């Protein structure tokens, strides 16, 4: 009977581990929406303003990396569909904000687009102003030097 208990316990642990390894649906949806929204924001900046997009492009690249880690072959089609839907929704808000004849509607669309954009910015960790950049060789600690060396060796 000891073997059956051990086998049952191992099966139960495997089931919990497999469940824990799946990405949380809300996180996947939120990251997917943000990648789409940031794509629309970048295109809007390219088309209508002279504002730099470097920061937005960096955020989007980081979110794409997170999204790549979360997507499985089973969810890839749905994620792409959701990403496109989010991009189109955000582009619609930005277009209404820029071109609507109704001032009240334009203000609402601009406010809503800004809220969504700010919400997407909260997913990623933001460096504090007193954070030392790793690229500065004068301020690299021993641990950071080892980590950078290991990274360079892996490339």
N, C-alpha and C. Protein backbone atom coordinates (compact mmCIF):
# COMPACT_ATOMS: atom_id res chain seq x y z
N UNK A 1 0.81 -1.20 0.00
CA UNK A 1 0.00 0.00 0.00
C UNK A 1 0.86 1.26 0.00
N UNK A 2 2.10 1.17 0.48
CA UNK A 2 3.00 2.30 0.52
C UNK A 2 3.33 2.81 -0.87
N UNK A 3 3.46 1.91 -1.83
CA UNK A 3 3.79 2.30 -3.20
C UNK A 3 2.63 3.09 -3.81
N UNK A 4 1.39 2.67 -3.54
CA UNK A 4 0.23 3.38 -4.08
C UNK A 4 0.11 4.78 -3.48
N UNK A 5 0.38 4.91 -2.19
CA UNK A 5 0.35 6.23 -1.56
C UNK A 5 1.42 7.14 -2.17
N UNK A 6 2.61 6.60 -2.35
CA UNK A 6 3.70 7.38 -2.94
C UNK A 6 3.36 7.79 -4.37
N UNK A 7 2.83 6.84 -5.14
CA UNK A 7 2.44 7.15 -6.51
C UNK A 7 1.33 8.20 -6.54
N UNK A 8 0.35 8.07 -5.67
CA UNK A 8 -0.75 9.04 -5.59
C UNK A 8 -0.25 10.42 -5.20
N UNK A 9 0.64 10.46 -4.22
CA UNK A 9 1.20 11.73 -3.79
C UNK A 9 2.01 12.38 -4.91
N UNK A 10 2.81 11.59 -5.62
CA UNK A 10 3.60 12.10 -6.73
C UNK A 10 2.69 12.62 -7.85
N UNK A 11 1.62 11.90 -8.12
CA UNK A 11 0.68 12.34 -9.15
C UNK A 11 0.01 13.65 -8.76
N UNK A 12 -0.35 13.77 -7.51
CA UNK A 12 -0.98 14.99 -7.02
C UNK A 12 -0.02 16.17 -7.11
N UNK A 13 1.23 15.96 -6.72
CA UNK A 13 2.24 17.02 -6.80
C UNK A 13 2.48 17.43 -8.25
N UNK A 14 2.52 16.47 -9.15
CA UNK A 14 2.71 16.76 -10.57
C UNK A 14 1.55 17.57 -11.11
N UNK A 15 0.34 17.23 -10.69
CA UNK A 15 -0.84 17.96 -11.12
C UNK A 15 -0.77 19.41 -10.66
N UNK A 16 -0.41 19.64 -9.40
CA UNK A 16 -0.30 21.00 -8.88
C UNK A 16 0.82 21.76 -9.57
N UNK A 17 1.94 21.11 -9.82
CA UNK A 17 3.06 21.77 -10.49
C UNK A 17 2.70 22.16 -11.92
N UNK A 18 1.99 21.29 -12.61
CA UNK A 18 1.58 21.59 -13.98
C UNK A 18 0.57 22.74 -14.00
N UNK A 19 -0.32 22.78 -13.03
CA UNK A 19 -1.29 23.87 -12.93
C UNK A 19 -0.60 25.17 -12.63
N UNK A 20 0.38 25.16 -11.74
CA UNK A 20 1.09 26.38 -11.37
C UNK A 20 1.95 26.89 -12.52
N UNK A 21 2.36 26.03 -13.43
CA UNK A 21 3.23 26.45 -14.52
C UNK A 21 2.46 27.20 -15.61
N UNK A 22 1.15 27.04 -15.67
CA UNK A 22 0.37 27.74 -16.68
C UNK A 22 0.30 29.23 -16.33
N UNK A 23 0.40 30.09 -17.33
CA UNK A 23 0.32 31.53 -17.04
C UNK A 23 -1.09 31.89 -16.60
N UNK A 24 -1.16 32.81 -15.70
CA UNK A 24 -2.45 33.30 -15.22
C UNK A 24 -3.17 33.98 -16.38
N UNK A 25 -4.43 33.64 -16.56
CA UNK A 25 -5.21 34.18 -17.68
C UNK A 25 -5.25 35.71 -17.67
N UNK A 26 -5.43 36.30 -16.49
CA UNK A 26 -5.51 37.76 -16.40
C UNK A 26 -4.19 38.42 -16.79
N UNK A 27 -3.08 37.84 -16.34
CA UNK A 27 -1.78 38.39 -16.68
C UNK A 27 -1.54 38.29 -18.18
N UNK A 28 -1.85 37.16 -18.75
CA UNK A 28 -1.67 36.98 -20.19
C UNK A 28 -2.51 37.99 -20.97
N UNK A 29 -3.75 38.16 -20.56
CA UNK A 29 -4.64 39.10 -21.25
C UNK A 29 -4.14 40.54 -21.09
N UNK A 30 -3.69 40.89 -19.90
CA UNK A 30 -3.23 42.26 -19.65
C UNK A 30 -1.98 42.57 -20.46
N UNK A 31 -1.03 41.66 -20.48
CA UNK A 31 0.20 41.88 -21.26
C UNK A 31 -0.13 41.93 -22.74
N UNK A 32 -1.00 41.06 -23.20
CA UNK A 32 -1.41 41.05 -24.61
C UNK A 32 -2.05 42.38 -25.00
N UNK A 33 -2.97 42.86 -24.17
CA UNK A 33 -3.63 44.13 -24.44
C UNK A 33 -2.62 45.28 -24.48
N UNK A 34 -1.68 45.26 -23.55
CA UNK A 34 -0.71 46.35 -23.48
C UNK A 34 0.23 46.36 -24.68
N UNK A 35 0.62 45.20 -25.16
CA UNK A 35 1.47 45.15 -26.36
C UNK A 35 0.72 45.77 -27.53
N UNK A 36 -0.54 45.41 -27.68
CA UNK A 36 -1.35 45.99 -28.75
C UNK A 36 -1.54 47.48 -28.60
N UNK A 37 -1.82 47.92 -27.39
CA UNK A 37 -2.03 49.35 -27.15
C UNK A 37 -0.76 50.17 -27.39
N UNK A 38 0.35 49.65 -26.93
CA UNK A 38 1.61 50.37 -27.14
C UNK A 38 1.97 50.43 -28.62
N UNK A 39 1.64 49.38 -29.37
CA UNK A 39 1.87 49.40 -30.82
C UNK A 39 1.06 50.52 -31.47
N UNK A 40 -0.19 50.66 -31.06
CA UNK A 40 -1.04 51.72 -31.59
C UNK A 40 -0.51 53.09 -31.18
N UNK A 41 -0.03 53.22 -29.95
CA UNK A 41 0.50 54.48 -29.46
C UNK A 41 1.74 54.89 -30.27
N UNK A 42 2.60 53.94 -30.55
CA UNK A 42 3.81 54.22 -31.34
C UNK A 42 3.42 54.70 -32.74
N UNK A 43 2.51 54.00 -33.38
CA UNK A 43 2.08 54.39 -34.72
C UNK A 43 1.43 55.76 -34.72
N UNK A 44 0.66 56.06 -33.68
CA UNK A 44 0.02 57.37 -33.57
C UNK A 44 1.08 58.47 -33.46
N UNK A 45 2.10 58.22 -32.66
CA UNK A 45 3.18 59.21 -32.53
C UNK A 45 3.92 59.38 -33.86
N UNK A 46 4.12 58.30 -34.58
CA UNK A 46 4.80 58.39 -35.88
C UNK A 46 3.99 59.24 -36.86
N UNK A 47 2.69 59.05 -36.86
CA UNK A 47 1.86 59.70 -37.86
C UNK A 47 1.50 61.15 -37.53
N UNK A 48 1.26 61.44 -36.26
CA UNK A 48 0.67 62.74 -35.95
C UNK A 48 1.52 63.68 -35.11
N UNK A 49 2.60 63.24 -34.57
CA UNK A 49 3.35 64.15 -33.71
C UNK A 49 4.84 63.91 -33.86
N UNK A 50 5.57 64.85 -33.36
CA UNK A 50 7.02 64.76 -33.40
C UNK A 50 7.59 64.27 -32.08
N UNK A 51 6.76 63.66 -31.26
CA UNK A 51 7.22 63.17 -29.96
C UNK A 51 8.08 61.94 -30.15
N UNK A 52 9.15 61.83 -29.36
CA UNK A 52 10.00 60.63 -29.47
C UNK A 52 9.26 59.39 -28.98
N UNK A 53 9.53 58.27 -29.61
CA UNK A 53 8.87 57.02 -29.24
C UNK A 53 9.83 56.02 -28.61
N UNK A 54 11.06 56.43 -28.35
CA UNK A 54 12.06 55.50 -27.82
C UNK A 54 11.60 54.82 -26.54
N UNK A 55 11.07 55.58 -25.60
CA UNK A 55 10.62 55.00 -24.33
C UNK A 55 9.48 54.02 -24.52
N UNK A 56 8.55 54.38 -25.38
CA UNK A 56 7.40 53.50 -25.63
C UNK A 56 7.86 52.23 -26.35
N UNK A 57 8.78 52.38 -27.29
CA UNK A 57 9.29 51.21 -28.01
C UNK A 57 10.04 50.27 -27.08
N UNK A 58 10.76 50.84 -26.12
CA UNK A 58 11.47 50.01 -25.14
C UNK A 58 10.49 49.25 -24.26
N UNK A 59 9.46 49.95 -23.78
CA UNK A 59 8.43 49.29 -22.97
C UNK A 59 7.77 48.18 -23.75
N UNK A 60 7.43 48.46 -25.00
CA UNK A 60 6.77 47.45 -25.83
C UNK A 60 7.68 46.24 -26.04
N UNK A 61 8.95 46.48 -26.26
CA UNK A 61 9.89 45.37 -26.46
C UNK A 61 9.97 44.49 -25.22
N UNK A 62 9.98 45.12 -24.04
CA UNK A 62 10.01 44.35 -22.80
C UNK A 62 8.72 43.54 -22.63
N UNK A 63 7.60 44.15 -22.95
CA UNK A 63 6.33 43.43 -22.84
C UNK A 63 6.22 42.29 -23.85
N UNK A 64 6.79 42.48 -25.04
CA UNK A 64 6.81 41.41 -26.03
C UNK A 64 7.63 40.24 -25.50
N UNK A 65 8.74 40.53 -24.82
CA UNK A 65 9.54 39.46 -24.22
C UNK A 65 8.73 38.69 -23.17
N UNK A 66 7.99 39.42 -22.34
CA UNK A 66 7.16 38.78 -21.33
C UNK A 66 6.07 37.95 -22.01
N UNK A 67 5.47 38.52 -23.03
CA UNK A 67 4.41 37.82 -23.75
C UNK A 67 4.93 36.54 -24.40
N UNK A 68 6.12 36.60 -24.97
CA UNK A 68 6.71 35.40 -25.57
C UNK A 68 6.90 34.30 -24.54
N UNK A 69 7.20 34.69 -23.31
CA UNK A 69 7.39 33.70 -22.25
C UNK A 69 6.06 33.10 -21.79
N UNK A 70 4.98 33.85 -21.92
CA UNK A 70 3.68 33.39 -21.44
C UNK A 70 2.89 32.60 -22.47
N UNK A 71 3.14 32.84 -23.74
CA UNK A 71 2.33 32.23 -24.79
C UNK A 71 2.74 30.77 -25.00
N UNK A 72 1.73 29.95 -25.11
CA UNK A 72 1.93 28.53 -25.43
C UNK A 72 1.39 28.30 -26.84
N UNK A 73 1.75 27.19 -27.46
CA UNK A 73 1.21 26.91 -28.80
C UNK A 73 -0.32 26.87 -28.83
N UNK A 74 -0.93 26.47 -27.73
CA UNK A 74 -2.39 26.39 -27.67
C UNK A 74 -3.03 27.78 -27.60
N UNK A 75 -2.35 28.75 -27.02
CA UNK A 75 -2.93 30.08 -26.83
C UNK A 75 -2.44 31.09 -27.86
N UNK A 76 -1.54 30.71 -28.73
CA UNK A 76 -0.90 31.67 -29.64
C UNK A 76 -1.91 32.38 -30.55
N UNK A 77 -2.86 31.65 -31.11
CA UNK A 77 -3.84 32.27 -32.01
C UNK A 77 -4.73 33.27 -31.28
N UNK A 78 -5.20 32.87 -30.11
CA UNK A 78 -6.07 33.76 -29.34
C UNK A 78 -5.32 35.00 -28.87
N UNK A 79 -4.07 34.83 -28.48
CA UNK A 79 -3.25 35.96 -28.03
C UNK A 79 -3.05 36.95 -29.18
N UNK A 80 -2.74 36.45 -30.37
CA UNK A 80 -2.56 37.34 -31.52
C UNK A 80 -3.85 38.08 -31.84
N UNK A 81 -4.97 37.37 -31.77
CA UNK A 81 -6.26 38.01 -32.02
C UNK A 81 -6.55 39.11 -30.98
N UNK A 82 -6.30 38.81 -29.71
CA UNK A 82 -6.52 39.81 -28.66
C UNK A 82 -5.58 41.00 -28.81
N UNK A 83 -4.36 40.72 -29.23
CA UNK A 83 -3.38 41.79 -29.42
C UNK A 83 -3.83 42.74 -30.53
N UNK A 84 -4.32 42.19 -31.62
CA UNK A 84 -4.82 43.01 -32.73
C UNK A 84 -6.05 43.79 -32.30
N UNK A 85 -6.96 43.14 -31.57
CA UNK A 85 -8.16 43.84 -31.09
C UNK A 85 -7.80 45.02 -30.18
N UNK A 86 -6.84 44.81 -29.28
CA UNK A 86 -6.42 45.89 -28.38
C UNK A 86 -5.78 47.03 -29.15
N UNK A 87 -4.99 46.69 -30.16
CA UNK A 87 -4.35 47.72 -30.98
C UNK A 87 -5.40 48.54 -31.71
N UNK A 88 -6.39 47.88 -32.28
CA UNK A 88 -7.44 48.59 -33.01
C UNK A 88 -8.29 49.45 -32.07
N UNK A 89 -8.58 48.95 -30.88
CA UNK A 89 -9.36 49.72 -29.91
C UNK A 89 -8.60 50.98 -29.49
N UNK A 90 -7.31 50.82 -29.22
CA UNK A 90 -6.52 51.99 -28.80
C UNK A 90 -6.36 52.98 -29.96
N UNK A 91 -6.16 52.47 -31.16
CA UNK A 91 -6.06 53.34 -32.33
C UNK A 91 -7.35 54.12 -32.54
N UNK A 92 -8.47 53.46 -32.27
CA UNK A 92 -9.77 54.14 -32.39
C UNK A 92 -9.89 55.27 -31.36
N UNK A 93 -9.47 55.01 -30.14
CA UNK A 93 -9.49 56.07 -29.12
C UNK A 93 -8.60 57.24 -29.52
N UNK A 94 -7.40 56.93 -29.99
CA UNK A 94 -6.48 57.99 -30.38
C UNK A 94 -7.01 58.79 -31.58
N UNK A 95 -7.66 58.11 -32.51
CA UNK A 95 -8.25 58.80 -33.66
C UNK A 95 -9.41 59.70 -33.23
N UNK A 96 -10.24 59.20 -32.33
CA UNK A 96 -11.34 60.03 -31.81
C UNK A 96 -10.79 61.25 -31.08
N UNK A 97 -9.74 61.06 -30.30
CA UNK A 97 -9.15 62.17 -29.56
C UNK A 97 -8.57 63.22 -30.52
N UNK A 98 -8.01 62.78 -31.62
CA UNK A 98 -7.36 63.71 -32.54
C UNK A 98 -8.32 64.34 -33.55
N UNK A 99 -9.34 63.60 -33.96
CA UNK A 99 -10.15 64.06 -35.09
C UNK A 99 -11.63 64.28 -34.80
N UNK A 100 -12.11 63.98 -33.62
CA UNK A 100 -13.53 64.10 -33.34
C UNK A 100 -13.98 65.56 -33.38
N UNK A 101 -15.14 65.80 -33.99
CA UNK A 101 -15.72 67.14 -34.03
C UNK A 101 -16.36 67.51 -32.70
N UNK A 102 -16.71 66.50 -31.92
CA UNK A 102 -17.34 66.70 -30.61
C UNK A 102 -16.23 66.83 -29.56
N UNK A 103 -16.09 68.03 -29.00
CA UNK A 103 -15.01 68.26 -28.02
C UNK A 103 -15.13 67.37 -26.81
N UNK A 104 -16.35 67.15 -26.34
CA UNK A 104 -16.54 66.30 -25.17
C UNK A 104 -16.09 64.86 -25.45
N UNK A 105 -16.44 64.37 -26.60
CA UNK A 105 -16.04 63.02 -26.99
C UNK A 105 -14.52 62.93 -27.18
N UNK A 106 -13.92 63.96 -27.76
CA UNK A 106 -12.47 63.98 -27.97
C UNK A 106 -11.73 63.98 -26.63
N UNK A 107 -12.21 64.78 -25.68
CA UNK A 107 -11.58 64.81 -24.35
C UNK A 107 -11.71 63.47 -23.66
N UNK A 108 -12.91 62.86 -23.77
CA UNK A 108 -13.11 61.55 -23.14
C UNK A 108 -12.17 60.51 -23.75
N UNK A 109 -12.08 60.49 -25.07
CA UNK A 109 -11.23 59.51 -25.76
C UNK A 109 -9.76 59.73 -25.38
N UNK A 110 -9.34 60.98 -25.31
CA UNK A 110 -7.95 61.27 -24.93
C UNK A 110 -7.67 60.83 -23.50
N UNK A 111 -8.62 61.10 -22.60
CA UNK A 111 -8.45 60.70 -21.20
C UNK A 111 -8.41 59.18 -21.07
N UNK A 112 -9.29 58.50 -21.77
CA UNK A 112 -9.35 57.04 -21.71
C UNK A 112 -8.08 56.40 -22.29
N UNK A 113 -7.60 56.93 -23.40
CA UNK A 113 -6.38 56.40 -24.01
C UNK A 113 -5.19 56.62 -23.07
N UNK A 114 -5.15 57.77 -22.43
CA UNK A 114 -4.05 58.04 -21.49
C UNK A 114 -4.12 57.11 -20.28
N UNK A 115 -5.32 56.84 -19.78
CA UNK A 115 -5.48 55.92 -18.66
C UNK A 115 -4.97 54.53 -19.02
N UNK A 116 -5.33 54.05 -20.18
CA UNK A 116 -4.88 52.73 -20.62
C UNK A 116 -3.37 52.70 -20.81
N UNK A 117 -2.82 53.77 -21.36
CA UNK A 117 -1.37 53.85 -21.57
C UNK A 117 -0.63 53.84 -20.23
N UNK A 118 -1.10 54.60 -19.27
CA UNK A 118 -0.47 54.64 -17.95
C UNK A 118 -0.61 53.29 -17.26
N UNK A 119 -1.76 52.65 -17.39
CA UNK A 119 -1.98 51.33 -16.80
C UNK A 119 -0.99 50.31 -17.34
N UNK A 120 -0.70 50.40 -18.62
CA UNK A 120 0.28 49.47 -19.21
C UNK A 120 1.68 49.73 -18.67
N UNK A 121 1.97 50.96 -18.35
CA UNK A 121 3.28 51.29 -17.80
C UNK A 121 3.52 50.73 -16.41
N UNK A 122 2.45 50.35 -15.72
CA UNK A 122 2.61 49.82 -14.36
C UNK A 122 3.01 48.35 -14.34
N UNK A 123 2.96 47.67 -15.47
CA UNK A 123 3.33 46.26 -15.50
C UNK A 123 4.83 46.09 -15.30
N UNK A 124 5.60 46.97 -15.93
CA UNK A 124 7.06 46.86 -15.88
C UNK A 124 7.62 47.64 -14.70
N UNK A 125 8.72 47.17 -14.18
CA UNK A 125 9.43 47.90 -13.14
C UNK A 125 10.10 49.11 -13.76
N UNK A 126 9.96 50.23 -13.10
CA UNK A 126 10.58 51.45 -13.59
C UNK A 126 11.81 51.76 -12.75
N UNK A 127 12.93 52.10 -13.37
CA UNK A 127 14.12 52.42 -12.59
C UNK A 127 13.92 53.72 -11.82
N UNK A 128 14.46 53.76 -10.63
CA UNK A 128 14.40 54.99 -9.84
C UNK A 128 15.49 55.93 -10.33
N UNK A 129 15.36 57.22 -10.07
CA UNK A 129 16.36 58.17 -10.56
C UNK A 129 17.77 57.91 -10.01
N UNK A 130 17.87 57.33 -8.82
CA UNK A 130 19.19 57.12 -8.25
C UNK A 130 19.75 55.73 -8.57
N UNK A 131 19.10 55.01 -9.48
CA UNK A 131 19.59 53.70 -9.89
C UNK A 131 20.83 53.88 -10.75
N UNK A 132 21.84 53.10 -10.49
CA UNK A 132 23.07 53.17 -11.26
C UNK A 132 22.90 52.32 -12.52
N UNK A 133 23.26 52.89 -13.65
CA UNK A 133 23.18 52.14 -14.91
C UNK A 133 24.30 51.12 -14.97
N UNK A 134 23.97 49.91 -15.38
CA UNK A 134 24.97 48.85 -15.47
C UNK A 134 25.99 49.12 -16.56
N UNK A 135 25.66 49.95 -17.51
CA UNK A 135 26.58 50.21 -18.60
C UNK A 135 27.74 51.12 -18.18
N UNK A 136 27.62 51.76 -17.04
CA UNK A 136 28.66 52.66 -16.56
C UNK A 136 29.74 51.84 -15.84
N UNK A 137 30.91 51.65 -16.43
CA UNK A 137 31.92 50.78 -15.84
C UNK A 137 32.50 51.30 -14.53
N UNK A 138 32.37 52.58 -14.25
CA UNK A 138 32.92 53.13 -13.01
C UNK A 138 32.09 52.76 -11.79
N UNK A 139 30.82 52.41 -11.99
CA UNK A 139 29.92 52.15 -10.88
C UNK A 139 29.46 50.70 -10.82
N UNK A 140 30.22 49.78 -11.31
CA UNK A 140 29.82 48.38 -11.34
C UNK A 140 30.37 47.68 -10.10
N UNK A 141 29.47 47.06 -9.32
CA UNK A 141 29.89 46.33 -8.13
C UNK A 141 30.47 44.98 -8.54
N UNK A 142 31.03 44.27 -7.57
CA UNK A 142 31.62 42.96 -7.84
C UNK A 142 30.60 41.97 -8.40
N UNK A 143 29.42 41.91 -7.77
CA UNK A 143 28.38 40.99 -8.24
C UNK A 143 27.91 41.34 -9.64
N UNK A 144 27.75 42.63 -9.91
CA UNK A 144 27.31 43.05 -11.24
C UNK A 144 28.36 42.71 -12.29
N UNK A 145 29.64 42.85 -11.93
CA UNK A 145 30.71 42.52 -12.87
C UNK A 145 30.69 41.03 -13.20
N UNK A 146 30.46 40.20 -12.19
CA UNK A 146 30.37 38.76 -12.42
C UNK A 146 29.17 38.45 -13.31
N UNK A 147 28.03 39.07 -13.01
CA UNK A 147 26.83 38.84 -13.82
C UNK A 147 27.03 39.29 -15.26
N UNK A 148 27.66 40.46 -15.44
CA UNK A 148 27.91 40.95 -16.79
C UNK A 148 28.87 40.02 -17.52
N UNK A 149 29.90 39.54 -16.82
CA UNK A 149 30.85 38.62 -17.44
C UNK A 149 30.18 37.33 -17.86
N UNK A 150 29.30 36.82 -17.02
CA UNK A 150 28.58 35.57 -17.34
C UNK A 150 27.66 35.80 -18.54
N UNK A 151 27.02 36.96 -18.57
CA UNK A 151 26.13 37.25 -19.70
C UNK A 151 26.93 37.35 -20.99
N UNK A 152 28.04 38.05 -20.95
CA UNK A 152 28.86 38.21 -22.15
C UNK A 152 29.39 36.86 -22.63
N UNK A 153 29.75 35.99 -21.69
CA UNK A 153 30.24 34.67 -22.07
C UNK A 153 29.14 33.83 -22.71
N UNK A 154 27.91 34.06 -22.32
CA UNK A 154 26.80 33.27 -22.87
C UNK A 154 26.41 33.73 -24.27
N UNK A 155 26.86 34.90 -24.67
CA UNK A 155 26.48 35.43 -25.98
C UNK A 155 27.27 34.85 -27.09
